[in-house]
Amino acid sequence: MFPKIITAIPKSGYKLELEFDTKIWKEFSVLPYLNYPVFEPLKNISFFNQVVVKHGTIVWGKEEIIDFDPYTLWTESIEISKSNLVS
């Protein structure tokens, strides 16, 4: 079982700062996924910034039409120091 996400902060460059329930912060880039049809709506930065944490992962849209597998978020993100977080 992978750690669950408890906080997601959208950043510039289609990146997300994610806090996991282990209190580890990681940065995840959505950029490599934007050419896949299912993720194309995220190219709209306004929509991208509406990321919500649900069910221990991140979702977009009222019907949660876009989400990411927690395994992907955990393994493909880079650990960052909370002190390095910049608004």
PDB file of N, CA and C in Angstrom:
ATOM      1  N   MET A   1       0.843  -1.185   0.000  1.00  0.00           N
ATOM      2  CA  MET A   1       0.000   0.000   0.000  1.00  0.00           C
ATOM      3  C   MET A   1       0.883   1.241   0.000  1.00  0.00           C
ATOM      4  N   PHE A   2       0.581   2.164  -0.882  1.00  0.00           N
ATOM      5  CA  PHE A   2       1.359   3.389  -0.971  1.00  0.00           C
ATOM      6  C   PHE A   2       0.758   4.461  -0.085  1.00  0.00           C
ATOM      7  N   PRO A   3       1.586   5.403   0.344  1.00  0.00           N
ATOM      8  CA  PRO A   3       1.062   6.502   1.167  1.00  0.00           C
ATOM      9  C   PRO A   3      -0.035   7.262   0.422  1.00  0.00           C
ATOM     10  N   LYS A   4      -0.960   7.800   1.182  1.00  0.00           N
ATOM     11  CA  LYS A   4      -2.059   8.569   0.612  1.00  0.00           C
ATOM     12  C   LYS A   4      -1.691  10.047   0.575  1.00  0.00           C
ATOM     13  N   ILE A   5      -2.231  10.722  -0.400  1.00  0.00           N
ATOM     14  CA  ILE A   5      -2.018  12.163  -0.511  1.00  0.00           C
ATOM     15  C   ILE A   5      -3.020  12.873   0.386  1.00  0.00           C
ATOM     16  N   ILE A   6      -2.529  13.888   1.110  1.00  0.00           N
ATOM     17  CA  ILE A   6      -3.420  14.672   1.956  1.00  0.00           C
ATOM     18  C   ILE A   6      -3.472  16.141   1.523  1.00  0.00           C
ATOM     19  N   THR A   7      -2.487  16.584   0.739  1.00  0.00           N
ATOM     20  CA  THR A   7      -2.457  17.960   0.253  1.00  0.00           C
ATOM     21  C   THR A   7      -1.894  17.969  -1.163  1.00  0.00           C
ATOM     22  N   ALA A   8      -2.501  18.782  -2.028  1.00  0.00           N
ATOM     23  CA  ALA A   8      -1.998  18.963  -3.392  1.00  0.00           C
ATOM     24  C   ALA A   8      -2.028  20.456  -3.715  1.00  0.00           C
ATOM     25  N   ILE A   9      -0.873  20.987  -4.078  1.00  0.00           N
ATOM     26  CA  ILE A   9      -0.747  22.410  -4.393  1.00  0.00           C
ATOM     27  C   ILE A   9      -0.276  22.544  -5.838  1.00  0.00           C
ATOM     28  N   PRO A  10      -1.132  23.120  -6.712  1.00  0.00           N
ATOM     29  CA  PRO A  10      -0.704  23.315  -8.099  1.00  0.00           C
ATOM     30  C   PRO A  10       0.342  24.414  -8.191  1.00  0.00           C
ATOM     31  N   LYS A  11       1.348  24.172  -9.024  1.00  0.00           N
ATOM     32  CA  LYS A  11       2.433  25.128  -9.239  1.00  0.00           C
ATOM     33  C   LYS A  11       2.592  25.379 -10.735  1.00  0.00           C
ATOM     34  N   SER A  12       3.406  26.349 -11.080  1.00  0.00           N
ATOM     35  CA  SER A  12       3.634  26.649 -12.489  1.00  0.00           C
ATOM     36  C   SER A  12       4.345  25.483 -13.168  1.00  0.00           C
ATOM     37  N   GLY A  13       4.242  25.451 -14.483  1.00  0.00           N
ATOM     38  CA  GLY A  13       4.908  24.398 -15.246  1.00  0.00           C
ATOM     39  C   GLY A  13       4.237  23.049 -15.129  1.00  0.00           C
ATOM     40  N   TYR A  14       2.947  23.038 -14.790  1.00  0.00           N
ATOM     41  CA  TYR A  14       2.173  21.804 -14.631  1.00  0.00           C
ATOM     42  C   TYR A  14       2.793  20.867 -13.596  1.00  0.00           C
ATOM     43  N   LYS A  15       3.219  21.462 -12.501  1.00  0.00           N
ATOM     44  CA  LYS A  15       3.762  20.676 -11.394  1.00  0.00           C
ATOM     45  C   LYS A  15       2.829  20.755 -10.206  1.00  0.00           C
ATOM     46  N   LEU A  16       2.896  19.723  -9.382  1.00  0.00           N
ATOM     47  CA  LEU A  16       2.112  19.667  -8.164  1.00  0.00           C
ATOM     48  C   LEU A  16       3.030  19.374  -6.991  1.00  0.00           C
ATOM     49  N   GLU A  17       2.838  20.081  -5.913  1.00  0.00           N
ATOM     50  CA  GLU A  17       3.514  19.728  -4.666  1.00  0.00           C
ATOM     51  C   GLU A  17       2.525  18.898  -3.875  1.00  0.00           C
ATOM     52  N   LEU A  18       2.952  17.714  -3.516  1.00  0.00           N
ATOM     53  CA  LEU A  18       2.082  16.748  -2.860  1.00  0.00           C
ATOM     54  C   LEU A  18       2.592  16.411  -1.466  1.00  0.00           C
ATOM     55  N   GLU A  19       1.698  16.455  -0.502  1.00  0.00           N
ATOM     56  CA  GLU A  19       2.029  16.001   0.844  1.00  0.00           C
ATOM     57  C   GLU A  19       1.357  14.654   1.038  1.00  0.00           C
ATOM     58  N   PHE A  20       2.136  13.680   1.429  1.00  0.00           N
ATOM     59  CA  PHE A  20       1.624  12.342   1.686  1.00  0.00           C
ATOM     60  C   PHE A  20       1.355  12.175   3.177  1.00  0.00           C
ATOM     61  N   ASP A  21       0.561  11.180   3.523  1.00  0.00           N
ATOM     62  CA  ASP A  21       0.217  10.982   4.932  1.00  0.00           C
ATOM     63  C   ASP A  21       1.407  10.552   5.783  1.00  0.00           C
ATOM     64  N   THR A  22       2.534  10.338   5.155  1.00  0.00           N
ATOM     65  CA  THR A  22       3.782  10.046   5.873  1.00  0.00           C
ATOM     66  C   THR A  22       4.519  11.335   6.234  1.00  0.00           C
ATOM     67  N   LYS A  23       3.910  12.481   5.879  1.00  0.00           N
ATOM     68  CA  LYS A  23       4.478  13.825   6.070  1.00  0.00           C
ATOM     69  C   LYS A  23       5.645  14.101   5.116  1.00  0.00           C
ATOM     70  N   ILE A  24       5.779  13.281   4.098  1.00  0.00           N
ATOM     71  CA  ILE A  24       6.783  13.509   3.063  1.00  0.00           C
ATOM     72  C   ILE A  24       6.146  14.352   1.972  1.00  0.00           C
ATOM     73  N   TRP A  25       6.870  15.388   1.545  1.00  0.00           N
ATOM     74  CA  TRP A  25       6.442  16.241   0.439  1.00  0.00           C
ATOM     75  C   TRP A  25       7.204  15.838  -0.816  1.00  0.00           C
ATOM     76  N   LYS A  26       6.475  15.771  -1.945  1.00  0.00           N
ATOM     77  CA  LYS A  26       7.094  15.440  -3.222  1.00  0.00           C
ATOM     78  C   LYS A  26       6.549  16.365  -4.300  1.00  0.00           C
ATOM     79  N   GLU A  27       7.338  16.519  -5.361  1.00  0.00           N
ATOM     80  CA  GLU A  27       6.905  17.292  -6.518  1.00  0.00           C
ATOM     81  C   GLU A  27       6.668  16.338  -7.678  1.00  0.00           C
ATOM     82  N   PHE A  28       5.513  16.487  -8.304  1.00  0.00           N
ATOM     83  CA  PHE A  28       5.125  15.630  -9.426  1.00  0.00           C
ATOM     84  C   PHE A  28       4.847  16.506 -10.642  1.00  0.00           C
ATOM     85  N   SER A  29       5.432  16.156 -11.768  1.00  0.00           N
ATOM     86  CA  SER A  29       5.198  16.889 -13.015  1.00  0.00           C
ATOM     87  C   SER A  29       4.146  16.161 -13.845  1.00  0.00           C
ATOM     88  N   VAL A  30       3.092  16.884 -14.183  1.00  0.00           N
ATOM     89  CA  VAL A  30       2.032  16.356 -15.034  1.00  0.00           C
ATOM     90  C   VAL A  30       2.400  16.529 -16.514  1.00  0.00           C
ATOM     91  N   LEU A  31       3.363  17.367 -16.791  1.00  0.00           N
ATOM     92  CA  LEU A  31       3.749  17.717 -18.159  1.00  0.00           C
ATOM     93  C   LEU A  31       3.923  16.507 -19.088  1.00  0.00           C
ATOM     94  N   PRO A  32       4.611  15.438 -18.688  1.00  0.00           N
ATOM     95  CA  PRO A  32       4.786  14.302 -19.607  1.00  0.00           C
ATOM     96  C   PRO A  32       3.483  13.601 -19.984  1.00  0.00           C
ATOM     97  N   TYR A  33       2.427  13.841 -19.248  1.00  0.00           N
ATOM     98  CA  TYR A  33       1.157  13.152 -19.484  1.00  0.00           C
ATOM     99  C   TYR A  33       0.188  13.951 -20.354  1.00  0.00           C
ATOM    100  N   LEU A  34       0.478  15.209 -20.599  1.00  0.00           N
ATOM    101  CA  LEU A  34      -0.486  16.083 -21.266  1.00  0.00           C
ATOM    102  C   LEU A  34      -0.801  15.705 -22.707  1.00  0.00           C
ATOM    103  N   ASN A  35       0.021  14.906 -23.351  1.00  0.00           N
ATOM    104  CA  ASN A  35      -0.268  14.490 -24.726  1.00  0.00           C
ATOM    105  C   ASN A  35      -1.134  13.240 -24.809  1.00  0.00           C
ATOM    106  N   TYR A  36      -1.422  12.622 -23.676  1.00  0.00           N
ATOM    107  CA  TYR A  36      -2.355  11.495 -23.657  1.00  0.00           C
ATOM    108  C   TYR A  36      -3.772  12.061 -23.661  1.00  0.00           C
ATOM    109  N   PRO A  37      -4.644  11.538 -24.505  1.00  0.00           N
ATOM    110  CA  PRO A  37      -6.004  12.101 -24.623  1.00  0.00           C
ATOM    111  C   PRO A  37      -6.738  12.274 -23.289  1.00  0.00           C
ATOM    112  N   VAL A  38      -6.613  11.331 -22.395  1.00  0.00           N
ATOM    113  CA  VAL A  38      -7.340  11.429 -21.128  1.00  0.00           C
ATOM    114  C   VAL A  38      -6.892  12.633 -20.289  1.00  0.00           C
ATOM    115  N   PHE A  39      -5.645  13.060 -20.445  1.00  0.00           N
ATOM    116  CA  PHE A  39      -5.111  14.166 -19.646  1.00  0.00           C
ATOM    117  C   PHE A  39      -5.132  15.511 -20.373  1.00  0.00           C
ATOM    118  N   GLU A  40      -5.539  15.540 -21.643  1.00  0.00           N
ATOM    119  CA  GLU A  40      -5.535  16.789 -22.414  1.00  0.00           C
ATOM    120  C   GLU A  40      -6.297  17.933 -21.764  1.00  0.00           C
ATOM    121  N   PRO A  41      -7.424  17.699 -21.077  1.00  0.00           N
ATOM    122  CA  PRO A  41      -8.116  18.825 -20.420  1.00  0.00           C
ATOM    123  C   PRO A  41      -7.238  19.582 -19.420  1.00  0.00           C
ATOM    124  N   LEU A  42      -6.211  18.925 -18.913  1.00  0.00           N
ATOM    125  CA  LEU A  42      -5.321  19.580 -17.945  1.00  0.00           C
ATOM    126  C   LEU A  42      -4.447  20.648 -18.589  1.00  0.00           C
ATOM    127  N   LYS A  43      -4.402  20.690 -19.912  1.00  0.00           N
ATOM    128  CA  LYS A  43      -3.650  21.749 -20.592  1.00  0.00           C
ATOM    129  C   LYS A  43      -4.258  23.125 -20.285  1.00  0.00           C
ATOM    130  N   ASN A  44      -5.546  23.133 -19.971  1.00  0.00           N
ATOM    131  CA  ASN A  44      -6.210  24.361 -19.540  1.00  0.00           C
ATOM    132  C   ASN A  44      -5.758  24.628 -18.108  1.00  0.00           C
ATOM    133  N   ILE A  45      -4.919  25.636 -17.929  1.00  0.00           N
ATOM    134  CA  ILE A  45      -4.297  25.885 -16.625  1.00  0.00           C
ATOM    135  C   ILE A  45      -5.334  26.163 -15.537  1.00  0.00           C
ATOM    136  N   SER A  46      -6.437  26.786 -15.917  1.00  0.00           N
ATOM    137  CA  SER A  46      -7.504  27.047 -14.943  1.00  0.00           C
ATOM    138  C   SER A  46      -8.068  25.727 -14.409  1.00  0.00           C
ATOM    139  N   PHE A  47      -8.287  24.774 -15.305  1.00  0.00           N
ATOM    140  CA  PHE A  47      -8.773  23.455 -14.897  1.00  0.00           C
ATOM    141  C   PHE A  47      -7.700  22.707 -14.097  1.00  0.00           C
ATOM    142  N   PHE A  48      -6.463  22.773 -14.554  1.00  0.00           N
ATOM    143  CA  PHE A  48      -5.358  22.120 -13.846  1.00  0.00           C
ATOM    144  C   PHE A  48      -5.292  22.594 -12.390  1.00  0.00           C
ATOM    145  N   ASN A  49      -5.488  23.893 -12.186  1.00  0.00           N
ATOM    146  CA  ASN A  49      -5.396  24.464 -10.841  1.00  0.00           C
ATOM    147  C   ASN A  49      -6.547  24.065  -9.930  1.00  0.00           C
ATOM    148  N   GLN A  50      -7.545  23.382 -10.456  1.00  0.00           N
ATOM    149  CA  GLN A  50      -8.686  22.938  -9.656  1.00  0.00           C
ATOM    150  C   GLN A  50      -8.496  21.533  -9.089  1.00  0.00           C
ATOM    151  N   VAL A  51      -7.265  21.096  -8.996  1.00  0.00           N
ATOM    152  CA  VAL A  51      -6.963  19.769  -8.450  1.00  0.00           C
ATOM    153  C   VAL A  51      -7.536  19.647  -7.033  1.00  0.00           C
ATOM    154  N   VAL A  52      -8.072  18.460  -6.737  1.00  0.00           N
ATOM    155  CA  VAL A  52      -8.667  18.169  -5.438  1.00  0.00           C
ATOM    156  C   VAL A  52      -8.113  16.839  -4.945  1.00  0.00           C
ATOM    157  N   VAL A  53      -7.938  16.735  -3.640  1.00  0.00           N
ATOM    158  CA  VAL A  53      -7.527  15.465  -3.035  1.00  0.00           C
ATOM    159  C   VAL A  53      -8.779  14.708  -2.629  1.00  0.00           C
ATOM    160  N   LYS A  54      -8.911  13.483  -3.149  1.00  0.00           N
ATOM    161  CA  LYS A  54     -10.018  12.590  -2.794  1.00  0.00           C
ATOM    162  C   LYS A  54      -9.523  11.157  -2.845  1.00  0.00           C
ATOM    163  N   HIS A  55     -10.006  10.379  -1.930  1.00  0.00           N
ATOM    164  CA  HIS A  55      -9.687   8.945  -1.924  1.00  0.00           C
ATOM    165  C   HIS A  55      -8.182   8.686  -1.862  1.00  0.00           C
ATOM    166  N   GLY A  56      -7.430   9.610  -1.252  1.00  0.00           N
ATOM    167  CA  GLY A  56      -5.993   9.430  -1.103  1.00  0.00           C
ATOM    168  C   GLY A  56      -5.173   9.707  -2.345  1.00  0.00           C
ATOM    169  N   THR A  57      -5.814  10.296  -3.365  1.00  0.00           N
ATOM    170  CA  THR A  57      -5.107  10.647  -4.587  1.00  0.00           C
ATOM    171  C   THR A  57      -5.589  12.017  -5.059  1.00  0.00           C
ATOM    172  N   ILE A  58      -5.243  12.395  -6.289  1.00  0.00           N
ATOM    173  CA  ILE A  58      -5.671  13.681  -6.818  1.00  0.00           C
ATOM    174  C   ILE A  58      -6.656  13.454  -7.955  1.00  0.00           C
ATOM    175  N   VAL A  59      -7.648  14.343  -8.040  1.00  0.00           N
ATOM    176  CA  VAL A  59      -8.674  14.238  -9.078  1.00  0.00           C
ATOM    177  C   VAL A  59      -9.011  15.622  -9.603  1.00  0.00           C
ATOM    178  N   TRP A  60      -9.611  15.638 -10.782  1.00  0.00           N
ATOM    179  CA  TRP A  60     -10.101  16.874 -11.393  1.00  0.00           C
ATOM    180  C   TRP A  60     -11.504  16.619 -11.901  1.00  0.00           C
ATOM    181  N   GLY A  61     -12.342  17.637 -11.826  1.00  0.00           N
ATOM    182  CA  GLY A  61     -13.692  17.580 -12.368  1.00  0.00           C
ATOM    183  C   GLY A  61     -14.715  17.105 -11.356  1.00  0.00           C
ATOM    184  N   LYS A  62     -15.960  17.580 -11.537  1.00  0.00           N
ATOM    185  CA  LYS A  62     -17.041  17.222 -10.613  1.00  0.00           C
ATOM    186  C   LYS A  62     -17.266  15.715 -10.553  1.00  0.00           C
ATOM    187  N   GLU A  63     -17.120  15.069 -11.684  1.00  0.00           N
ATOM    188  CA  GLU A  63     -17.294  13.610 -11.730  1.00  0.00           C
ATOM    189  C   GLU A  63     -15.966  12.882 -11.587  1.00  0.00           C
ATOM    190  N   GLU A  64     -14.950  13.616 -11.147  1.00  0.00           N
ATOM    191  CA  GLU A  64     -13.605  13.036 -10.976  1.00  0.00           C
ATOM    192  C   GLU A  64     -13.164  12.355 -12.264  1.00  0.00           C
ATOM    193  N   ILE A  65     -13.292  13.097 -13.374  1.00  0.00           N
ATOM    194  CA  ILE A  65     -13.037  12.522 -14.696  1.00  0.00           C
ATOM    195  C   ILE A  65     -11.560  12.244 -14.958  1.00  0.00           C
ATOM    196  N   ILE A  66     -10.697  12.911 -14.212  1.00  0.00           N
ATOM    197  CA  ILE A  66      -9.257  12.680 -14.367  1.00  0.00           C
ATOM    198  C   ILE A  66      -8.663  12.421 -13.002  1.00  0.00           C
ATOM    199  N   ASP A  67      -7.837  11.397 -12.930  1.00  0.00           N
ATOM    200  CA  ASP A  67      -7.124  11.118 -11.686  1.00  0.00           C
ATOM    201  C   ASP A  67      -5.790  10.475 -12.025  1.00  0.00           C
ATOM    202  N   PHE A  68      -4.977  10.315 -10.997  1.00  0.00           N
ATOM    203  CA  PHE A  68      -3.695   9.630 -11.158  1.00  0.00           C
ATOM    204  C   PHE A  68      -3.624   8.486 -10.164  1.00  0.00           C
ATOM    205  N   ASP A  69      -3.013   7.417 -10.597  1.00  0.00           N
ATOM    206  CA  ASP A  69      -2.774   6.265  -9.732  1.00  0.00           C
ATOM    207  C   ASP A  69      -1.805   6.677  -8.631  1.00  0.00           C
ATOM    208  N   PRO A  70      -2.121   6.398  -7.364  1.00  0.00           N
ATOM    209  CA  PRO A  70      -1.204   6.740  -6.276  1.00  0.00           C
ATOM    210  C   PRO A  70       0.196   6.153  -6.459  1.00  0.00           C
ATOM    211  N   TYR A  71       0.290   4.977  -7.084  1.00  0.00           N
ATOM    212  CA  TYR A  71       1.599   4.372  -7.356  1.00  0.00           C
ATOM    213  C   TYR A  71       2.431   5.290  -8.241  1.00  0.00           C
ATOM    214  N   THR A  72       1.809   5.817  -9.286  1.00  0.00           N
ATOM    215  CA  THR A  72       2.498   6.740 -10.198  1.00  0.00           C
ATOM    216  C   THR A  72       2.949   7.987  -9.461  1.00  0.00           C
ATOM    217  N   LEU A  73       2.062   8.548  -8.662  1.00  0.00           N
ATOM    218  CA  LEU A  73       2.394   9.767  -7.927  1.00  0.00           C
ATOM    219  C   LEU A  73       3.561   9.548  -6.968  1.00  0.00           C
ATOM    220  N   TRP A  74       3.576   8.428  -6.297  1.00  0.00           N
ATOM    221  CA  TRP A  74       4.626   8.141  -5.323  1.00  0.00           C
ATOM    222  C   TRP A  74       5.958   7.844  -6.005  1.00  0.00           C
ATOM    223  N   THR A  75       5.933   7.020  -7.045  1.00  0.00           N
ATOM    224  CA  THR A  75       7.188   6.561  -7.651  1.00  0.00           C
ATOM    225  C   THR A  75       7.783   7.544  -8.652  1.00  0.00           C
ATOM    226  N   GLU A  76       6.962   8.374  -9.268  1.00  0.00           N
ATOM    227  CA  GLU A  76       7.466   9.287 -10.288  1.00  0.00           C
ATOM    228  C   GLU A  76       7.641  10.719  -9.789  1.00  0.00           C
ATOM    229  N   SER A  77       7.494  10.926  -8.512  1.00  0.00           N
ATOM    230  CA  SER A  77       7.691  12.270  -7.963  1.00  0.00           C
ATOM    231  C   SER A  77       9.032  12.345  -7.253  1.00  0.00           C
ATOM    232  N   ILE A  78       9.473  13.571  -7.044  1.00  0.00           N
ATOM    233  CA  ILE A  78      10.770  13.815  -6.420  1.00  0.00           C
ATOM    234  C   ILE A  78      10.552  14.410  -5.039  1.00  0.00           C
ATOM    235  N   GLU A  79      11.193  13.823  -4.054  1.00  0.00           N
ATOM    236  CA  GLU A  79      11.040  14.323  -2.691  1.00  0.00           C
ATOM    237  C   GLU A  79      11.625  15.729  -2.577  1.00  0.00           C
ATOM    238  N   ILE A  80      10.881  16.582  -1.888  1.00  0.00           N
ATOM    239  CA  ILE A  80      11.328  17.953  -1.653  1.00  0.00           C
ATOM    240  C   ILE A  80      11.250  18.251  -0.160  1.00  0.00           C
ATOM    241  N   SER A  81      12.017  19.204   0.244  1.00  0.00           N
ATOM    242  CA  SER A  81      12.021  19.626   1.639  1.00  0.00           C
ATOM    243  C   SER A  81      10.905  20.646   1.822  1.00  0.00           C
ATOM    244  N   LYS A  82      10.172  20.525   2.919  1.00  0.00           N
ATOM    245  CA  LYS A  82       9.096  21.475   3.192  1.00  0.00           C
ATOM    246  C   LYS A  82       9.650  22.899   3.233  1.00  0.00           C
ATOM    247  N   SER A  83      10.870  23.071   3.658  1.00  0.00           N
ATOM    248  CA  SER A  83      11.468  24.406   3.704  1.00  0.00           C
ATOM    249  C   SER A  83      11.745  24.963   2.317  1.00  0.00           C
ATOM    250  N   ASN A  84      11.733  24.075   1.271  1.00  0.00           N
ATOM    251  CA  ASN A  84      11.970  24.525  -0.104  1.00  0.00           C
ATOM    252  C   ASN A  84      10.690  24.939  -0.814  1.00  0.00           C
ATOM    253  N   LEU A  85       9.550  24.799  -0.142  1.00  0.00           N
ATOM    254  CA  LEU A  85       8.292  25.121  -0.778  1.00  0.00           C
ATOM    255  C   LEU A  85       8.195  26.611  -1.024  1.00  0.00           C
ATOM    256  N   VAL A  86       7.858  26.956  -2.249  1.00  0.00           N
ATOM    257  CA  VAL A  86       7.744  28.359  -2.631  1.00  0.00           C
ATOM    258  C   VAL A  86       6.353  28.569  -3.190  1.00  0.00           C
ATOM    259  N   SER A  87       5.718  29.632  -2.774  1.00  0.00           N
ATOM    260  CA  SER A  87       4.358  29.927  -3.274  1.00  0.00           C
ATOM    261  C   SER A  87       4.376  30.419  -4.687  1.00  0.00           C
TER     262      SER A  87
END
